[in-house]
Amino acid sequence: MTSDWQDYIKARKNGLKKQWKALLAERVSYIDSLDADKQAEYLNNLCHHYFDLGATEIPIQHPDIWNKILEAWKVANIWENSIYLFWLAKALTSTTGSFKGAYLLLNKDPIDILSRVMELDSNNFEAKKILFKQHLHTLDFGMHSIDTGMVIEKYVGDEAITECEKLIKIEPNLKHCKSRFGGDFEYYKSRFLAWYEYSKEDTKLDFDDWYKQKM
């Protein structure tokens, strides 16, 4: 699959804009030329290489490609398809590019989508891992300005902690997973719960100094 994109990838890496744009147009034209069944198969293979195999040099975010993928998922009743849902969740949580229109396909956030993936395919470890990291992200976001206050409501953080504990019970190795900022579950749980204790105390210490003393 990636072999027919090698010339484009090479030109892109070498900064040959005129060349890679022409090669991209050629690939898009090829996709357009396929009949419905072959086009669906080709797009599935693109998604497999991009989302499952890490071939992120393939520009599936390009509107002329991505819009076809979204339409194929919509027609296929994506809510009942664990593979398409998983790819959609990876698009929504991607740090390698913007996938315009991805959220509008279902109007659901990644946590809801990944939970559905697990309902349909309980053996998808990567889905559990991404879901776990989404909950860590919720806790991290809540505490990113912790000296001035918690950004999220307590029940939101409590729910994230509960969901992480459920996932760890299913997959114990998830306790070693870290957020993109380097914190693991125990780090976030400890600081989140400690902040509510700190907020009740009469102290002039900022949270981090108070927390270090407590630990």
N, C-alpha and C. Protein backbone atom coordinates (compact mmCIF):
# COMPACT_ATOMS: atom_id res chain seq x y z
N MET A 1 0.83 -1.21 0.00
CA MET A 1 0.00 0.00 0.00
C MET A 1 0.86 1.26 0.00
N THR A 2 1.84 1.33 0.91
CA THR A 2 2.65 2.56 0.99
C THR A 2 3.57 2.72 -0.20
N SER A 3 3.80 1.63 -0.96
CA SER A 3 4.72 1.72 -2.09
C SER A 3 4.25 2.72 -3.13
N ASP A 4 2.93 2.84 -3.33
CA ASP A 4 2.45 3.78 -4.34
C ASP A 4 2.43 5.22 -3.83
N TRP A 5 2.85 5.40 -2.58
CA TRP A 5 2.99 6.74 -2.02
C TRP A 5 4.44 7.14 -1.80
N GLN A 6 5.37 6.25 -2.14
CA GLN A 6 6.78 6.51 -1.83
C GLN A 6 7.33 7.74 -2.55
N ASP A 7 6.96 7.92 -3.81
CA ASP A 7 7.46 9.09 -4.54
C ASP A 7 6.96 10.38 -3.89
N TYR A 8 5.70 10.39 -3.49
CA TYR A 8 5.14 11.56 -2.80
C TYR A 8 5.86 11.81 -1.48
N ILE A 9 6.03 10.74 -0.69
CA ILE A 9 6.66 10.86 0.63
C ILE A 9 8.09 11.39 0.49
N LYS A 10 8.81 10.86 -0.49
CA LYS A 10 10.20 11.29 -0.71
C LYS A 10 10.25 12.76 -1.11
N ALA A 11 9.38 13.16 -2.04
CA ALA A 11 9.35 14.56 -2.49
C ALA A 11 8.96 15.49 -1.34
N ARG A 12 8.05 15.04 -0.49
CA ARG A 12 7.61 15.86 0.66
C ARG A 12 8.76 16.04 1.65
N LYS A 13 9.48 14.95 1.91
CA LYS A 13 10.60 15.03 2.85
C LYS A 13 11.71 15.92 2.32
N ASN A 14 11.86 15.94 1.00
CA ASN A 14 12.92 16.75 0.39
C ASN A 14 12.49 18.19 0.13
N GLY A 15 11.25 18.50 0.49
CA GLY A 15 10.78 19.88 0.34
C GLY A 15 10.51 20.30 -1.09
N LEU A 16 10.25 19.33 -1.96
CA LEU A 16 10.00 19.64 -3.37
C LEU A 16 8.50 19.87 -3.57
N LYS A 17 8.05 21.06 -3.22
CA LYS A 17 6.62 21.35 -3.16
C LYS A 17 5.90 21.12 -4.47
N LYS A 18 6.46 21.63 -5.55
CA LYS A 18 5.81 21.49 -6.85
C LYS A 18 5.65 20.01 -7.21
N GLN A 19 6.68 19.23 -6.89
CA GLN A 19 6.66 17.81 -7.22
C GLN A 19 5.67 17.05 -6.34
N TRP A 20 5.72 17.29 -5.02
CA TRP A 20 4.82 16.51 -4.17
C TRP A 20 3.36 16.88 -4.37
N LYS A 21 3.09 18.13 -4.72
CA LYS A 21 1.70 18.52 -4.98
C LYS A 21 1.17 17.82 -6.23
N ALA A 22 2.02 17.69 -7.23
CA ALA A 22 1.62 16.99 -8.46
C ALA A 22 1.39 15.50 -8.18
N LEU A 23 2.26 14.91 -7.37
CA LEU A 23 2.13 13.50 -7.03
C LEU A 23 0.89 13.25 -6.17
N LEU A 24 0.58 14.18 -5.29
CA LEU A 24 -0.62 14.06 -4.47
C LEU A 24 -1.87 14.13 -5.35
N ALA A 25 -1.87 15.06 -6.29
CA ALA A 25 -3.01 15.19 -7.21
C ALA A 25 -3.18 13.91 -8.02
N GLU A 26 -2.07 13.29 -8.37
CA GLU A 26 -2.10 12.04 -9.13
C GLU A 26 -2.73 10.92 -8.30
N ARG A 27 -2.37 10.85 -7.02
CA ARG A 27 -2.93 9.82 -6.13
C ARG A 27 -4.42 10.04 -5.91
N VAL A 28 -4.82 11.30 -5.71
CA VAL A 28 -6.23 11.62 -5.52
C VAL A 28 -7.03 11.26 -6.76
N SER A 29 -6.47 11.56 -7.92
CA SER A 29 -7.13 11.22 -9.19
C SER A 29 -7.30 9.71 -9.32
N TYR A 30 -6.28 8.97 -8.89
CA TYR A 30 -6.37 7.51 -8.93
C TYR A 30 -7.50 7.01 -8.04
N ILE A 31 -7.60 7.54 -6.83
CA ILE A 31 -8.67 7.14 -5.90
C ILE A 31 -10.03 7.44 -6.51
N ASP A 32 -10.16 8.61 -7.13
CA ASP A 32 -11.42 9.00 -7.76
C ASP A 32 -11.80 8.05 -8.90
N SER A 33 -10.80 7.47 -9.54
CA SER A 33 -11.06 6.62 -10.71
C SER A 33 -11.57 5.22 -10.33
N LEU A 34 -11.42 4.84 -9.07
CA LEU A 34 -11.81 3.49 -8.65
C LEU A 34 -13.32 3.37 -8.53
N ASP A 35 -13.83 2.16 -8.82
CA ASP A 35 -15.26 1.95 -8.60
C ASP A 35 -15.53 1.88 -7.10
N ALA A 36 -16.77 1.89 -6.71
CA ALA A 36 -17.15 2.04 -5.30
C ALA A 36 -16.50 1.00 -4.39
N ASP A 37 -16.54 -0.26 -4.79
CA ASP A 37 -15.99 -1.32 -3.94
C ASP A 37 -14.48 -1.21 -3.81
N LYS A 38 -13.81 -0.98 -4.94
CA LYS A 38 -12.35 -0.89 -4.91
C LYS A 38 -11.89 0.37 -4.17
N GLN A 39 -12.67 1.45 -4.32
CA GLN A 39 -12.32 2.67 -3.60
C GLN A 39 -12.45 2.46 -2.09
N ALA A 40 -13.51 1.79 -1.67
CA ALA A 40 -13.70 1.51 -0.24
C ALA A 40 -12.56 0.66 0.30
N GLU A 41 -12.15 -0.35 -0.48
CA GLU A 41 -11.05 -1.21 -0.07
C GLU A 41 -9.74 -0.42 0.03
N TYR A 42 -9.51 0.45 -0.96
CA TYR A 42 -8.29 1.25 -0.97
C TYR A 42 -8.25 2.19 0.24
N LEU A 43 -9.37 2.85 0.52
CA LEU A 43 -9.43 3.78 1.65
C LEU A 43 -9.26 3.04 2.98
N ASN A 44 -9.82 1.85 3.08
CA ASN A 44 -9.62 1.04 4.29
C ASN A 44 -8.15 0.71 4.49
N ASN A 45 -7.48 0.38 3.40
CA ASN A 45 -6.06 0.07 3.49
C ASN A 45 -5.25 1.30 3.89
N LEU A 46 -5.64 2.46 3.37
CA LEU A 46 -4.97 3.70 3.76
C LEU A 46 -5.11 3.92 5.26
N CYS A 47 -6.32 3.76 5.77
CA CYS A 47 -6.57 3.96 7.20
C CYS A 47 -5.79 2.94 8.04
N HIS A 48 -5.76 1.70 7.58
CA HIS A 48 -5.02 0.66 8.30
C HIS A 48 -3.54 1.04 8.41
N HIS A 49 -2.96 1.47 7.30
CA HIS A 49 -1.55 1.83 7.33
C HIS A 49 -1.31 3.08 8.18
N TYR A 50 -2.21 4.03 8.10
CA TYR A 50 -2.03 5.27 8.85
C TYR A 50 -2.27 5.06 10.35
N PHE A 51 -3.43 4.53 10.70
CA PHE A 51 -3.82 4.45 12.11
C PHE A 51 -3.27 3.23 12.84
N ASP A 52 -3.11 2.10 12.14
CA ASP A 52 -2.66 0.88 12.80
C ASP A 52 -1.15 0.66 12.67
N LEU A 53 -0.59 1.05 11.55
CA LEU A 53 0.82 0.77 11.29
C LEU A 53 1.71 2.01 11.41
N GLY A 54 1.11 3.16 11.67
CA GLY A 54 1.90 4.37 11.90
C GLY A 54 2.47 5.03 10.67
N ALA A 55 1.89 4.76 9.49
CA ALA A 55 2.37 5.38 8.25
C ALA A 55 1.77 6.77 8.11
N THR A 56 2.15 7.66 9.02
CA THR A 56 1.53 8.99 9.08
C THR A 56 2.05 9.94 8.00
N GLU A 57 2.97 9.45 7.17
CA GLU A 57 3.41 10.29 6.04
C GLU A 57 2.35 10.34 4.95
N ILE A 58 1.43 9.37 4.96
CA ILE A 58 0.34 9.35 3.98
C ILE A 58 -0.65 10.45 4.35
N PRO A 59 -0.97 11.36 3.45
CA PRO A 59 -1.78 12.53 3.80
C PRO A 59 -3.29 12.27 3.77
N ILE A 60 -3.75 11.37 4.63
CA ILE A 60 -5.18 11.06 4.58
C ILE A 60 -6.04 12.21 5.09
N GLN A 61 -5.40 13.22 5.73
CA GLN A 61 -6.18 14.39 6.17
C GLN A 61 -6.58 15.29 5.01
N HIS A 62 -5.97 15.09 3.86
CA HIS A 62 -6.31 15.92 2.70
C HIS A 62 -7.81 15.81 2.44
N PRO A 63 -8.51 16.93 2.29
CA PRO A 63 -9.98 16.91 2.14
C PRO A 63 -10.49 15.95 1.07
N ASP A 64 -9.79 15.85 -0.05
CA ASP A 64 -10.27 14.99 -1.13
C ASP A 64 -10.15 13.50 -0.79
N ILE A 65 -9.37 13.19 0.23
CA ILE A 65 -9.26 11.80 0.71
C ILE A 65 -10.10 11.62 1.97
N TRP A 66 -9.91 12.51 2.92
CA TRP A 66 -10.58 12.38 4.22
C TRP A 66 -12.09 12.43 4.11
N ASN A 67 -12.61 13.31 3.27
CA ASN A 67 -14.07 13.40 3.12
C ASN A 67 -14.66 12.10 2.57
N LYS A 68 -13.91 11.43 1.71
CA LYS A 68 -14.37 10.14 1.19
C LYS A 68 -14.39 9.09 2.30
N ILE A 69 -13.38 9.14 3.16
CA ILE A 69 -13.32 8.20 4.29
C ILE A 69 -14.51 8.43 5.23
N LEU A 70 -14.76 9.67 5.56
CA LEU A 70 -15.89 9.99 6.45
C LEU A 70 -17.22 9.52 5.86
N GLU A 71 -17.38 9.72 4.57
CA GLU A 71 -18.62 9.31 3.91
C GLU A 71 -18.76 7.78 3.94
N ALA A 72 -17.65 7.09 3.72
CA ALA A 72 -17.68 5.62 3.75
C ALA A 72 -18.06 5.12 5.15
N TRP A 73 -17.52 5.76 6.17
CA TRP A 73 -17.85 5.37 7.54
C TRP A 73 -19.32 5.64 7.87
N LYS A 74 -19.80 6.76 7.37
CA LYS A 74 -21.20 7.12 7.60
C LYS A 74 -22.13 6.10 6.97
N VAL A 75 -21.85 5.72 5.74
CA VAL A 75 -22.67 4.75 5.01
C VAL A 75 -22.62 3.38 5.69
N ALA A 76 -21.48 3.06 6.28
CA ALA A 76 -21.28 1.74 6.88
C ALA A 76 -21.87 1.61 8.28
N ASN A 77 -22.59 2.63 8.76
CA ASN A 77 -23.14 2.60 10.12
C ASN A 77 -22.02 2.40 11.13
N ILE A 78 -21.18 3.40 11.24
CA ILE A 78 -19.95 3.33 12.00
C ILE A 78 -20.15 2.93 13.46
N TRP A 79 -21.27 3.28 14.07
CA TRP A 79 -21.49 2.99 15.49
C TRP A 79 -21.49 1.49 15.78
N GLU A 80 -21.69 0.69 14.73
CA GLU A 80 -21.69 -0.77 14.90
C GLU A 80 -20.40 -1.40 14.38
N ASN A 81 -19.43 -0.59 14.02
CA ASN A 81 -18.19 -1.10 13.43
C ASN A 81 -17.01 -0.71 14.32
N SER A 82 -16.46 -1.67 15.05
CA SER A 82 -15.40 -1.37 16.01
C SER A 82 -14.13 -0.85 15.35
N ILE A 83 -13.84 -1.32 14.14
CA ILE A 83 -12.62 -0.89 13.45
C ILE A 83 -12.73 0.57 13.04
N TYR A 84 -13.83 0.93 12.40
CA TYR A 84 -14.02 2.32 11.98
C TYR A 84 -14.09 3.26 13.19
N LEU A 85 -14.76 2.81 14.24
CA LEU A 85 -14.85 3.63 15.45
C LEU A 85 -13.47 3.87 16.05
N PHE A 86 -12.67 2.82 16.05
CA PHE A 86 -11.31 2.94 16.61
C PHE A 86 -10.49 3.93 15.79
N TRP A 87 -10.60 3.83 14.48
CA TRP A 87 -9.86 4.78 13.63
C TRP A 87 -10.36 6.21 13.85
N LEU A 88 -11.66 6.37 14.01
CA LEU A 88 -12.22 7.69 14.27
C LEU A 88 -11.70 8.24 15.59
N ALA A 89 -11.65 7.40 16.61
CA ALA A 89 -11.13 7.83 17.91
C ALA A 89 -9.67 8.25 17.80
N LYS A 90 -8.90 7.51 17.00
CA LYS A 90 -7.50 7.88 16.82
C LYS A 90 -7.37 9.19 16.07
N ALA A 91 -8.27 9.43 15.13
CA ALA A 91 -8.26 10.71 14.42
C ALA A 91 -8.56 11.86 15.38
N LEU A 92 -9.54 11.65 16.25
CA LEU A 92 -9.94 12.69 17.20
C LEU A 92 -8.89 12.97 18.25
N THR A 93 -8.04 11.99 18.54
CA THR A 93 -7.00 12.16 19.56
C THR A 93 -5.62 12.33 18.94
N SER A 94 -5.57 12.51 17.63
CA SER A 94 -4.29 12.60 16.93
C SER A 94 -3.52 13.86 17.29
N THR A 95 -2.20 13.71 17.36
CA THR A 95 -1.31 14.87 17.54
C THR A 95 -0.49 15.12 16.28
N THR A 96 -0.84 14.42 15.20
CA THR A 96 -0.05 14.53 13.96
C THR A 96 -0.76 15.32 12.87
N GLY A 97 -1.92 15.86 13.17
CA GLY A 97 -2.61 16.63 12.15
C GLY A 97 -4.08 16.79 12.47
N SER A 98 -4.74 17.67 11.74
CA SER A 98 -6.16 17.94 11.97
C SER A 98 -7.02 17.10 11.03
N PHE A 99 -8.04 16.48 11.60
CA PHE A 99 -8.97 15.68 10.81
C PHE A 99 -10.32 16.39 10.81
N LYS A 100 -10.47 17.34 9.91
CA LYS A 100 -11.65 18.20 9.87
C LYS A 100 -12.92 17.39 9.64
N GLY A 101 -13.93 17.68 10.45
CA GLY A 101 -15.21 17.02 10.30
C GLY A 101 -15.33 15.71 11.05
N ALA A 102 -14.24 15.26 11.69
CA ALA A 102 -14.26 13.97 12.39
C ALA A 102 -15.27 13.98 13.52
N TYR A 103 -15.28 15.04 14.31
CA TYR A 103 -16.21 15.10 15.45
C TYR A 103 -17.66 15.13 14.98
N LEU A 104 -17.91 15.83 13.90
CA LEU A 104 -19.29 16.00 13.43
C LEU A 104 -19.91 14.70 12.92
N LEU A 105 -19.09 13.70 12.65
CA LEU A 105 -19.62 12.44 12.15
C LEU A 105 -20.58 11.80 13.16
N LEU A 106 -20.22 11.86 14.44
CA LEU A 106 -21.07 11.26 15.48
C LEU A 106 -21.47 12.25 16.57
N ASN A 107 -20.79 13.39 16.61
CA ASN A 107 -21.02 14.37 17.69
C ASN A 107 -20.81 13.74 19.07
N LYS A 108 -19.78 12.91 19.15
CA LYS A 108 -19.42 12.27 20.42
C LYS A 108 -17.93 12.46 20.67
N ASP A 109 -17.56 12.57 21.94
CA ASP A 109 -16.15 12.77 22.24
C ASP A 109 -15.42 11.43 22.24
N PRO A 110 -14.07 11.46 22.22
CA PRO A 110 -13.30 10.22 22.13
C PRO A 110 -13.59 9.21 23.24
N ILE A 111 -13.88 9.69 24.45
CA ILE A 111 -14.16 8.78 25.55
C ILE A 111 -15.40 7.93 25.26
N ASP A 112 -16.45 8.56 24.76
CA ASP A 112 -17.67 7.82 24.41
C ASP A 112 -17.41 6.82 23.28
N ILE A 113 -16.63 7.26 22.30
CA ILE A 113 -16.34 6.39 21.14
C ILE A 113 -15.49 5.20 21.56
N LEU A 114 -14.46 5.44 22.36
CA LEU A 114 -13.58 4.36 22.81
C LEU A 114 -14.32 3.39 23.72
N SER A 115 -15.23 3.90 24.53
CA SER A 115 -16.05 3.02 25.37
C SER A 115 -16.90 2.10 24.50
N ARG A 116 -17.40 2.63 23.40
CA ARG A 116 -18.19 1.82 22.47
C ARG A 116 -17.31 0.78 21.78
N VAL A 117 -16.09 1.17 21.42
CA VAL A 117 -15.15 0.21 20.82
C VAL A 117 -14.95 -0.98 21.76
N MET A 118 -14.79 -0.69 23.04
CA MET A 118 -14.58 -1.76 24.02
C MET A 118 -15.81 -2.64 24.18
N GLU A 119 -16.99 -2.06 24.01
CA GLU A 119 -18.22 -2.87 24.04
C GLU A 119 -18.24 -3.85 22.87
N LEU A 120 -17.79 -3.38 21.72
CA LEU A 120 -17.82 -4.20 20.51
C LEU A 120 -16.63 -5.15 20.42
N ASP A 121 -15.50 -4.75 20.99
CA ASP A 121 -14.28 -5.55 20.91
C ASP A 121 -13.51 -5.41 22.23
N SER A 122 -13.82 -6.28 23.17
CA SER A 122 -13.22 -6.19 24.50
C SER A 122 -11.73 -6.53 24.51
N ASN A 123 -11.21 -7.07 23.41
CA ASN A 123 -9.80 -7.45 23.35
C ASN A 123 -8.90 -6.35 22.77
N ASN A 124 -9.48 -5.21 22.44
CA ASN A 124 -8.69 -4.14 21.83
C ASN A 124 -7.92 -3.39 22.92
N PHE A 125 -6.69 -3.84 23.17
CA PHE A 125 -5.88 -3.25 24.24
C PHE A 125 -5.54 -1.79 23.94
N GLU A 126 -5.24 -1.49 22.68
CA GLU A 126 -4.86 -0.12 22.35
C GLU A 126 -6.02 0.85 22.62
N ALA A 127 -7.24 0.40 22.37
CA ALA A 127 -8.41 1.25 22.67
C ALA A 127 -8.48 1.54 24.16
N LYS A 128 -8.21 0.52 24.98
CA LYS A 128 -8.21 0.71 26.43
C LYS A 128 -7.11 1.69 26.84
N LYS A 129 -5.96 1.56 26.20
CA LYS A 129 -4.82 2.43 26.52
C LYS A 129 -5.12 3.88 26.16
N ILE A 130 -5.69 4.10 24.99
CA ILE A 130 -6.02 5.47 24.57
C ILE A 130 -7.11 6.04 25.48
N LEU A 131 -8.10 5.21 25.83
CA LEU A 131 -9.16 5.65 26.73
C LEU A 131 -8.58 6.03 28.09
N PHE A 132 -7.68 5.21 28.59
CA PHE A 132 -7.02 5.48 29.86
C PHE A 132 -6.30 6.83 29.81
N LYS A 133 -5.58 7.07 28.72
CA LYS A 133 -4.85 8.33 28.58
C LYS A 133 -5.79 9.52 28.45
N GLN A 134 -6.97 9.30 27.89
CA GLN A 134 -7.95 10.38 27.82
C GLN A 134 -8.39 10.80 29.22
N HIS A 135 -8.55 9.82 30.10
CA HIS A 135 -8.92 10.15 31.48
C HIS A 135 -7.76 10.85 32.20
N LEU A 136 -6.52 10.43 31.91
CA LEU A 136 -5.37 11.13 32.47
C LEU A 136 -5.33 12.57 31.98
N HIS A 137 -5.68 12.75 30.71
CA HIS A 137 -5.71 14.09 30.14
C HIS A 137 -6.74 14.96 30.86
N THR A 138 -7.89 14.38 31.20
CA THR A 138 -8.91 15.12 31.94
C THR A 138 -8.35 15.62 33.27
N LEU A 139 -7.64 14.73 33.98
CA LEU A 139 -7.06 15.11 35.26
C LEU A 139 -5.96 16.14 35.08
N ASP A 140 -5.14 15.96 34.06
CA ASP A 140 -4.05 16.91 33.81
C ASP A 140 -4.62 18.30 33.49
N PHE A 141 -5.65 18.32 32.65
CA PHE A 141 -6.28 19.59 32.30
C PHE A 141 -6.85 20.27 33.55
N GLY A 142 -7.48 19.48 34.40
CA GLY A 142 -8.08 20.04 35.60
C GLY A 142 -7.09 20.70 36.52
N MET A 143 -5.84 20.20 36.49
CA MET A 143 -4.83 20.69 37.43
C MET A 143 -3.77 21.58 36.81
N HIS A 144 -3.97 22.00 35.56
CA HIS A 144 -2.87 22.72 34.90
C HIS A 144 -2.63 24.11 35.47
N SER A 145 -3.60 24.64 36.23
CA SER A 145 -3.39 25.91 36.94
C SER A 145 -3.73 25.71 38.41
N ILE A 146 -3.15 24.68 38.98
CA ILE A 146 -3.60 24.21 40.29
C ILE A 146 -3.40 25.22 41.41
N ASP A 147 -2.42 26.11 41.29
CA ASP A 147 -2.20 27.09 42.35
C ASP A 147 -3.34 28.09 42.46
N THR A 148 -4.05 28.31 41.37
CA THR A 148 -5.17 29.26 41.40
C THR A 148 -6.52 28.55 41.51
N GLY A 149 -6.51 27.24 41.37
CA GLY A 149 -7.76 26.50 41.52
C GLY A 149 -7.88 25.35 40.54
N MET A 150 -8.84 24.50 40.79
CA MET A 150 -9.11 23.36 39.91
C MET A 150 -9.99 23.82 38.76
N VAL A 151 -9.61 23.46 37.54
CA VAL A 151 -10.33 23.92 36.35
C VAL A 151 -11.61 23.11 36.11
N ILE A 152 -11.63 21.87 36.57
CA ILE A 152 -12.80 21.01 36.38
C ILE A 152 -13.55 20.83 37.70
N GLU A 153 -14.82 20.47 37.60
CA GLU A 153 -15.60 20.16 38.80
C GLU A 153 -15.07 18.88 39.44
N LYS A 154 -15.21 18.77 40.74
CA LYS A 154 -14.67 17.60 41.44
C LYS A 154 -15.25 16.30 40.91
N TYR A 155 -16.54 16.29 40.59
CA TYR A 155 -17.17 15.05 40.13
C TYR A 155 -16.56 14.56 38.82
N VAL A 156 -16.07 15.51 37.99
CA VAL A 156 -15.44 15.13 36.72
C VAL A 156 -14.13 14.40 36.99
N GLY A 157 -13.34 14.94 37.91
CA GLY A 157 -12.08 14.29 38.27
C GLY A 157 -12.32 12.96 38.97
N ASP A 158 -13.31 12.92 39.86
CA ASP A 158 -13.63 11.67 40.55
C ASP A 158 -14.03 10.59 39.55
N GLU A 159 -14.79 10.98 38.54
CA GLU A 159 -15.22 10.03 37.51
C GLU A 159 -14.03 9.53 36.71
N ALA A 160 -13.10 10.43 36.37
CA ALA A 160 -11.90 10.03 35.62
C ALA A 160 -11.07 9.04 36.44
N ILE A 161 -10.95 9.29 37.73
CA ILE A 161 -10.20 8.38 38.61
C ILE A 161 -10.88 7.02 38.66
N THR A 162 -12.19 7.02 38.83
CA THR A 162 -12.95 5.76 38.89
C THR A 162 -12.79 4.96 37.60
N GLU A 163 -12.88 5.64 36.46
CA GLU A 163 -12.76 4.94 35.17
C GLU A 163 -11.35 4.39 34.98
N CYS A 164 -10.34 5.13 35.42
CA CYS A 164 -8.97 4.63 35.34
C CYS A 164 -8.80 3.38 36.19
N GLU A 165 -9.36 3.40 37.38
CA GLU A 165 -9.26 2.24 38.28
C GLU A 165 -9.97 1.02 37.69
N LYS A 166 -11.09 1.24 37.01
CA LYS A 166 -11.79 0.14 36.35
C LYS A 166 -10.91 -0.46 35.25
N LEU A 167 -10.28 0.41 34.47
CA LEU A 167 -9.43 -0.07 33.37
C LEU A 167 -8.20 -0.80 33.89
N ILE A 168 -7.62 -0.31 34.99
CA ILE A 168 -6.46 -0.97 35.58
C ILE A 168 -6.84 -2.36 36.09
N LYS A 169 -8.05 -2.48 36.60
CA LYS A 169 -8.52 -3.78 37.08
C LYS A 169 -8.59 -4.78 35.93
N ILE A 170 -8.96 -4.29 34.75
CA ILE A 170 -9.04 -5.15 33.56
C ILE A 170 -7.65 -5.40 32.98
N GLU A 171 -6.85 -4.33 32.90
CA GLU A 171 -5.51 -4.39 32.31
C GLU A 171 -4.52 -3.75 33.29
N PRO A 172 -3.96 -4.53 34.23
CA PRO A 172 -3.08 -3.98 35.26
C PRO A 172 -1.89 -3.17 34.72
N ASN A 173 -1.40 -3.50 33.54
CA ASN A 173 -0.24 -2.79 33.00
C ASN A 173 -0.54 -1.33 32.67
N LEU A 174 -1.82 -0.98 32.60
CA LEU A 174 -2.16 0.41 32.30
C LEU A 174 -1.70 1.36 33.39
N LYS A 175 -1.47 0.85 34.59
CA LYS A 175 -1.03 1.73 35.67
C LYS A 175 0.34 2.34 35.38
N HIS A 176 1.06 1.75 34.43
CA HIS A 176 2.38 2.28 34.06
C HIS A 176 2.29 3.32 32.94
N CYS A 177 1.12 3.46 32.33
CA CYS A 177 0.96 4.42 31.24
C CYS A 177 1.09 5.84 31.77
N LYS A 178 1.65 6.70 30.93
CA LYS A 178 1.82 8.09 31.31
C LYS A 178 1.14 9.00 30.30
N SER A 179 0.74 10.16 30.77
CA SER A 179 0.19 11.16 29.86
C SER A 179 1.31 11.72 29.01
N ARG A 180 0.97 12.52 28.02
CA ARG A 180 2.00 13.11 27.17
C ARG A 180 2.88 14.09 27.94
N PHE A 181 2.46 14.43 29.17
CA PHE A 181 3.25 15.33 30.01
C PHE A 181 4.06 14.58 31.05
N GLY A 182 3.99 13.24 31.03
CA GLY A 182 4.85 12.42 31.86
C GLY A 182 4.28 11.92 33.17
N GLY A 183 3.05 12.29 33.50
CA GLY A 183 2.47 11.84 34.76
C GLY A 183 1.72 10.53 34.61
N ASP A 184 1.85 9.64 35.61
CA ASP A 184 1.07 8.40 35.58
C ASP A 184 -0.18 8.57 36.44
N PHE A 185 -0.97 7.51 36.52
CA PHE A 185 -2.25 7.60 37.21
C PHE A 185 -2.09 7.98 38.68
N GLU A 186 -1.15 7.34 39.38
CA GLU A 186 -0.98 7.62 40.81
C GLU A 186 -0.57 9.06 41.05
N TYR A 187 0.23 9.60 40.14
CA TYR A 187 0.64 11.01 40.24
C TYR A 187 -0.58 11.92 40.20
N TYR A 188 -1.42 11.71 39.20
CA TYR A 188 -2.60 12.58 39.04
C TYR A 188 -3.62 12.35 40.15
N LYS A 189 -3.85 11.10 40.51
CA LYS A 189 -4.82 10.80 41.56
C LYS A 189 -4.40 11.43 42.88
N SER A 190 -3.13 11.26 43.23
CA SER A 190 -2.62 11.80 44.49
C SER A 190 -2.76 13.31 44.56
N ARG A 191 -2.36 13.98 43.49
CA ARG A 191 -2.40 15.45 43.48
C ARG A 191 -3.85 15.97 43.44
N PHE A 192 -4.69 15.29 42.69
CA PHE A 192 -6.08 15.71 42.59
C PHE A 192 -6.76 15.65 43.96
N LEU A 193 -6.62 14.52 44.64
CA LEU A 193 -7.26 14.37 45.95
C LEU A 193 -6.62 15.29 46.99
N ALA A 194 -5.30 15.47 46.88
CA ALA A 194 -4.60 16.33 47.84
C ALA A 194 -5.04 17.78 47.73
N TRP A 195 -5.39 18.21 46.51
CA TRP A 195 -5.76 19.62 46.34
C TRP A 195 -6.99 19.97 47.17
N TYR A 196 -7.93 19.06 47.30
CA TYR A 196 -9.14 19.35 48.07
C TYR A 196 -8.85 19.41 49.57
N GLU A 197 -7.84 18.64 49.99
CA GLU A 197 -7.39 18.76 51.37
C GLU A 197 -6.69 20.10 51.57
N TYR A 198 -5.85 20.45 50.62
CA TYR A 198 -5.11 21.73 50.67
C TYR A 198 -6.06 22.92 50.70
N SER A 199 -7.14 22.85 49.92
CA SER A 199 -8.06 23.99 49.81
C SER A 199 -8.80 24.27 51.12
N LYS A 200 -8.82 23.29 52.02
CA LYS A 200 -9.50 23.46 53.30
C LYS A 200 -8.57 23.97 54.40
N GLU A 201 -7.26 23.98 54.11
CA GLU A 201 -6.30 24.37 55.13
C GLU A 201 -6.01 25.87 55.08
N ASP A 202 -5.68 26.40 56.24
CA ASP A 202 -5.28 27.80 56.35
C ASP A 202 -3.77 27.85 56.24
N THR A 203 -3.28 28.04 55.04
CA THR A 203 -1.83 28.03 54.81
C THR A 203 -1.46 29.08 53.77
N LYS A 204 -0.25 29.61 53.93
CA LYS A 204 0.25 30.58 52.97
C LYS A 204 1.12 29.92 51.91
N LEU A 205 1.34 28.63 52.07
CA LEU A 205 2.13 27.89 51.09
C LEU A 205 1.35 27.72 49.80
N ASP A 206 2.07 27.75 48.67
CA ASP A 206 1.37 27.38 47.44
C ASP A 206 1.20 25.86 47.43
N PHE A 207 0.39 25.37 46.52
CA PHE A 207 0.03 23.95 46.56
C PHE A 207 1.26 23.05 46.45
N ASP A 208 2.16 23.34 45.51
CA ASP A 208 3.30 22.45 45.30
C ASP A 208 4.18 22.36 46.54
N ASP A 209 4.43 23.48 47.20
CA ASP A 209 5.25 23.45 48.42
C ASP A 209 4.53 22.68 49.53
N TRP A 210 3.23 22.92 49.66
CA TRP A 210 2.43 22.20 50.65
C TRP A 210 2.43 20.70 50.36
N TYR A 211 2.29 20.36 49.10
CA TYR A 211 2.23 18.95 48.68
C TYR A 211 3.55 18.24 48.99
N LYS A 212 4.67 18.91 48.72
CA LYS A 212 5.98 18.32 49.00
C LYS A 212 6.14 18.03 50.48
N GLN A 213 5.66 18.93 51.33
CA GLN A 213 5.74 18.71 52.77
C GLN A 213 4.89 17.51 53.19
N LYS A 214 3.72 17.39 52.58
CA LYS A 214 2.82 16.29 52.90
C LYS A 214 3.39 14.94 52.48
N MET A 215 4.09 14.95 51.36
CA MET A 215 4.63 13.70 50.83
C MET A 215 5.90 13.28 51.57
